[in-house]
Amino acid sequence: MHATIIKAQDLFDAGTAKRAGQMWGEAINLYMDCIHTLDGFISEIEEEQDEAFRLREKASAAIEFIDDIRSFVNTDLMNP
C-alpha cells in the first residue's frame, strides 16, 4: 500500500477515536487532514486509487455526521 494512503488511514482512525470520545473539533480537523493528504493523489494501481477515493468519502461523511450532531436543536426543550 502507498505511504500516502497509510498516512490518510492513520489520520482517519485517529479522527474516529476522537469522535468516539466526543472531541468533535479535533475529529473534524483529523478528517480534514485525511482529505488534504489525499488531495492530488494519483496512482496507476487501481486498488490504491479506489482506497483513496473510499477514504476521502468516509472522511467527508464523518464530517457531515458530526455537523449534524452539532447543529441539532431540540426546540421542545426551549419552550416553557
N, C-alpha and C. Protein backbone atom coordinates (compact mmCIF):
# COMPACT_ATOMS: atom_id res chain seq x y z
N MET A 1 0.85 -1.17 0.00
CA MET A 1 0.00 0.00 0.00
C MET A 1 0.89 1.24 0.00
N HIS A 2 0.44 2.27 -0.65
CA HIS A 2 1.19 3.52 -0.80
C HIS A 2 1.26 4.26 0.54
N ALA A 3 2.39 4.93 0.80
CA ALA A 3 2.60 5.63 2.07
C ALA A 3 1.56 6.72 2.30
N THR A 4 1.10 7.37 1.25
CA THR A 4 0.09 8.42 1.39
C THR A 4 -1.23 7.84 1.90
N ILE A 5 -1.60 6.69 1.40
CA ILE A 5 -2.84 6.05 1.84
C ILE A 5 -2.71 5.59 3.29
N ILE A 6 -1.56 5.08 3.65
CA ILE A 6 -1.35 4.64 5.03
C ILE A 6 -1.46 5.83 5.98
N LYS A 7 -0.85 6.97 5.61
CA LYS A 7 -0.94 8.17 6.44
C LYS A 7 -2.38 8.64 6.55
N ALA A 8 -3.10 8.65 5.43
CA ALA A 8 -4.50 9.08 5.44
C ALA A 8 -5.34 8.14 6.31
N GLN A 9 -5.10 6.85 6.25
CA GLN A 9 -5.84 5.89 7.07
C GLN A 9 -5.56 6.11 8.55
N ASP A 10 -4.30 6.40 8.89
CA ASP A 10 -3.97 6.69 10.29
C ASP A 10 -4.69 7.94 10.78
N LEU A 11 -4.75 8.98 9.94
CA LEU A 11 -5.47 10.20 10.31
C LEU A 11 -6.97 9.93 10.48
N PHE A 12 -7.52 9.12 9.58
CA PHE A 12 -8.94 8.76 9.67
C PHE A 12 -9.22 8.00 10.96
N ASP A 13 -8.36 7.03 11.28
CA ASP A 13 -8.54 6.25 12.50
C ASP A 13 -8.43 7.12 13.75
N ALA A 14 -7.49 8.06 13.74
CA ALA A 14 -7.35 8.98 14.87
C ALA A 14 -8.60 9.86 14.99
N GLY A 15 -9.15 10.30 13.86
CA GLY A 15 -10.38 11.09 13.88
C GLY A 15 -11.54 10.30 14.44
N THR A 16 -11.61 9.03 14.09
CA THR A 16 -12.67 8.17 14.60
C THR A 16 -12.55 7.99 16.11
N ALA A 17 -11.34 7.87 16.60
CA ALA A 17 -11.12 7.75 18.05
C ALA A 17 -11.54 9.04 18.76
N LYS A 18 -11.21 10.18 18.19
CA LYS A 18 -11.62 11.46 18.78
C LYS A 18 -13.14 11.60 18.74
N ARG A 19 -13.76 11.17 17.66
CA ARG A 19 -15.22 11.24 17.54
C ARG A 19 -15.86 10.36 18.61
N ALA A 20 -15.30 9.20 18.87
CA ALA A 20 -15.84 8.30 19.89
C ALA A 20 -15.74 8.94 21.27
N GLY A 21 -14.72 9.78 21.46
CA GLY A 21 -14.55 10.49 22.72
C GLY A 21 -15.29 11.82 22.75
N GLN A 22 -16.11 12.08 21.76
CA GLN A 22 -16.90 13.29 21.62
C GLN A 22 -16.04 14.55 21.58
N MET A 23 -14.87 14.44 21.01
CA MET A 23 -13.99 15.59 20.78
C MET A 23 -14.20 16.02 19.34
N TRP A 24 -15.33 16.69 19.11
CA TRP A 24 -15.80 16.97 17.76
C TRP A 24 -14.83 17.81 16.93
N GLY A 25 -14.31 18.88 17.49
CA GLY A 25 -13.42 19.76 16.74
C GLY A 25 -12.14 19.06 16.31
N GLU A 26 -11.56 18.32 17.23
CA GLU A 26 -10.34 17.58 16.91
C GLU A 26 -10.61 16.50 15.86
N ALA A 27 -11.75 15.87 15.95
CA ALA A 27 -12.10 14.84 14.97
C ALA A 27 -12.25 15.45 13.59
N ILE A 28 -12.94 16.59 13.50
CA ILE A 28 -13.10 17.25 12.20
C ILE A 28 -11.74 17.63 11.63
N ASN A 29 -10.86 18.16 12.47
CA ASN A 29 -9.52 18.53 11.99
C ASN A 29 -8.77 17.32 11.44
N LEU A 30 -8.86 16.19 12.11
CA LEU A 30 -8.17 14.99 11.64
C LEU A 30 -8.79 14.47 10.35
N TYR A 31 -10.10 14.52 10.24
CA TYR A 31 -10.75 14.10 8.99
C TYR A 31 -10.36 15.02 7.84
N MET A 32 -10.29 16.32 8.12
CA MET A 32 -9.86 17.27 7.07
C MET A 32 -8.41 17.02 6.67
N ASP A 33 -7.56 16.70 7.65
CA ASP A 33 -6.16 16.36 7.33
C ASP A 33 -6.10 15.12 6.45
N CYS A 34 -6.97 14.16 6.72
CA CYS A 34 -7.04 12.94 5.90
C CYS A 34 -7.39 13.31 4.46
N ILE A 35 -8.39 14.16 4.29
CA ILE A 35 -8.81 14.57 2.95
C ILE A 35 -7.69 15.33 2.25
N HIS A 36 -7.04 16.26 2.97
CA HIS A 36 -5.96 17.05 2.37
C HIS A 36 -4.75 16.19 2.02
N THR A 37 -4.51 15.15 2.79
CA THR A 37 -3.41 14.24 2.49
C THR A 37 -3.64 13.55 1.16
N LEU A 38 -4.89 13.28 0.85
CA LEU A 38 -5.23 12.57 -0.39
C LEU A 38 -5.43 13.51 -1.58
N ASP A 39 -5.40 14.83 -1.35
CA ASP A 39 -5.53 15.78 -2.45
C ASP A 39 -4.42 15.56 -3.47
N GLY A 40 -4.82 15.40 -4.69
CA GLY A 40 -3.85 15.23 -5.77
C GLY A 40 -3.22 13.85 -5.85
N PHE A 41 -3.66 12.91 -5.01
CA PHE A 41 -3.08 11.56 -5.05
C PHE A 41 -3.54 10.84 -6.31
N ILE A 42 -2.57 10.39 -7.06
CA ILE A 42 -2.86 9.63 -8.28
C ILE A 42 -1.97 8.39 -8.27
N SER A 43 -2.58 7.27 -8.51
CA SER A 43 -1.84 6.02 -8.55
C SER A 43 -2.25 5.25 -9.79
N GLU A 44 -1.30 4.57 -10.37
CA GLU A 44 -1.61 3.73 -11.52
C GLU A 44 -2.19 2.40 -11.11
N ILE A 45 -2.10 2.10 -9.82
CA ILE A 45 -2.68 0.87 -9.29
C ILE A 45 -4.13 1.15 -8.90
N GLU A 46 -5.04 0.46 -9.55
CA GLU A 46 -6.46 0.73 -9.38
C GLU A 46 -6.93 0.54 -7.94
N GLU A 47 -6.42 -0.45 -7.24
CA GLU A 47 -6.83 -0.70 -5.86
C GLU A 47 -6.45 0.47 -4.96
N GLU A 48 -5.26 1.05 -5.17
CA GLU A 48 -4.85 2.20 -4.38
C GLU A 48 -5.73 3.40 -4.66
N GLN A 49 -6.06 3.61 -5.92
CA GLN A 49 -6.93 4.73 -6.28
C GLN A 49 -8.32 4.55 -5.67
N ASP A 50 -8.83 3.33 -5.69
CA ASP A 50 -10.13 3.04 -5.08
C ASP A 50 -10.10 3.26 -3.57
N GLU A 51 -9.01 2.84 -2.94
CA GLU A 51 -8.87 3.01 -1.49
C GLU A 51 -8.81 4.49 -1.13
N ALA A 52 -8.09 5.28 -1.91
CA ALA A 52 -8.00 6.72 -1.66
C ALA A 52 -9.38 7.36 -1.79
N PHE A 53 -10.14 6.97 -2.80
CA PHE A 53 -11.49 7.50 -3.00
C PHE A 53 -12.39 7.11 -1.84
N ARG A 54 -12.29 5.86 -1.40
CA ARG A 54 -13.12 5.36 -0.29
C ARG A 54 -12.81 6.13 1.00
N LEU A 55 -11.53 6.35 1.27
CA LEU A 55 -11.14 7.08 2.47
C LEU A 55 -11.64 8.52 2.44
N ARG A 56 -11.52 9.15 1.28
CA ARG A 56 -11.99 10.53 1.13
C ARG A 56 -13.50 10.60 1.38
N GLU A 57 -14.25 9.67 0.84
CA GLU A 57 -15.70 9.65 1.02
C GLU A 57 -16.08 9.39 2.48
N LYS A 58 -15.38 8.47 3.13
CA LYS A 58 -15.67 8.18 4.53
C LYS A 58 -15.37 9.38 5.42
N ALA A 59 -14.27 10.08 5.15
CA ALA A 59 -13.92 11.26 5.95
C ALA A 59 -14.95 12.37 5.74
N SER A 60 -15.38 12.56 4.51
CA SER A 60 -16.39 13.58 4.23
C SER A 60 -17.71 13.24 4.92
N ALA A 61 -18.10 11.99 4.88
CA ALA A 61 -19.34 11.56 5.54
C ALA A 61 -19.24 11.73 7.06
N ALA A 62 -18.08 11.46 7.62
CA ALA A 62 -17.89 11.61 9.07
C ALA A 62 -18.01 13.08 9.48
N ILE A 63 -17.48 13.98 8.65
CA ILE A 63 -17.59 15.41 8.94
C ILE A 63 -19.06 15.84 8.89
N GLU A 64 -19.79 15.38 7.89
CA GLU A 64 -21.22 15.70 7.80
C GLU A 64 -21.98 15.16 9.01
N PHE A 65 -21.63 13.96 9.46
CA PHE A 65 -22.26 13.34 10.62
C PHE A 65 -22.04 14.20 11.86
N ILE A 66 -20.81 14.64 12.06
CA ILE A 66 -20.50 15.49 13.22
C ILE A 66 -21.25 16.82 13.13
N ASP A 67 -21.29 17.39 11.94
CA ASP A 67 -22.03 18.65 11.76
C ASP A 67 -23.51 18.48 12.08
N ASP A 68 -24.09 17.34 11.71
CA ASP A 68 -25.49 17.06 12.03
C ASP A 68 -25.70 16.99 13.54
N ILE A 69 -24.78 16.35 14.23
CA ILE A 69 -24.88 16.24 15.70
C ILE A 69 -24.76 17.62 16.33
N ARG A 70 -23.78 18.38 15.89
CA ARG A 70 -23.53 19.70 16.49
C ARG A 70 -24.63 20.71 16.19
N SER A 71 -25.35 20.53 15.10
CA SER A 71 -26.37 21.50 14.74
C SER A 71 -27.76 21.12 15.23
N PHE A 72 -27.88 20.00 15.93
CA PHE A 72 -29.18 19.57 16.42
C PHE A 72 -29.70 20.52 17.49
N VAL A 73 -30.95 20.89 17.36
CA VAL A 73 -31.60 21.75 18.35
C VAL A 73 -32.94 21.11 18.68
N ASN A 74 -33.18 20.90 19.96
CA ASN A 74 -34.47 20.39 20.41
C ASN A 74 -35.33 21.58 20.81
N THR A 75 -36.19 22.00 19.91
CA THR A 75 -37.00 23.19 20.16
C THR A 75 -38.03 22.99 21.28
N ASP A 76 -38.41 21.75 21.53
CA ASP A 76 -39.38 21.50 22.62
C ASP A 76 -38.78 21.82 23.98
N LEU A 77 -37.50 21.65 24.13
CA LEU A 77 -36.87 21.98 25.42
C LEU A 77 -36.74 23.49 25.61
N MET A 78 -36.82 24.25 24.53
CA MET A 78 -36.68 25.70 24.63
C MET A 78 -38.01 26.40 24.94
N ASN A 79 -39.11 25.69 24.78
CA ASN A 79 -40.43 26.27 25.07
C ASN A 79 -40.84 25.94 26.49
N PRO A 80 -41.13 26.97 27.26
CA PRO A 80 -41.52 26.70 28.67
C PRO A 80 -42.95 26.17 28.80
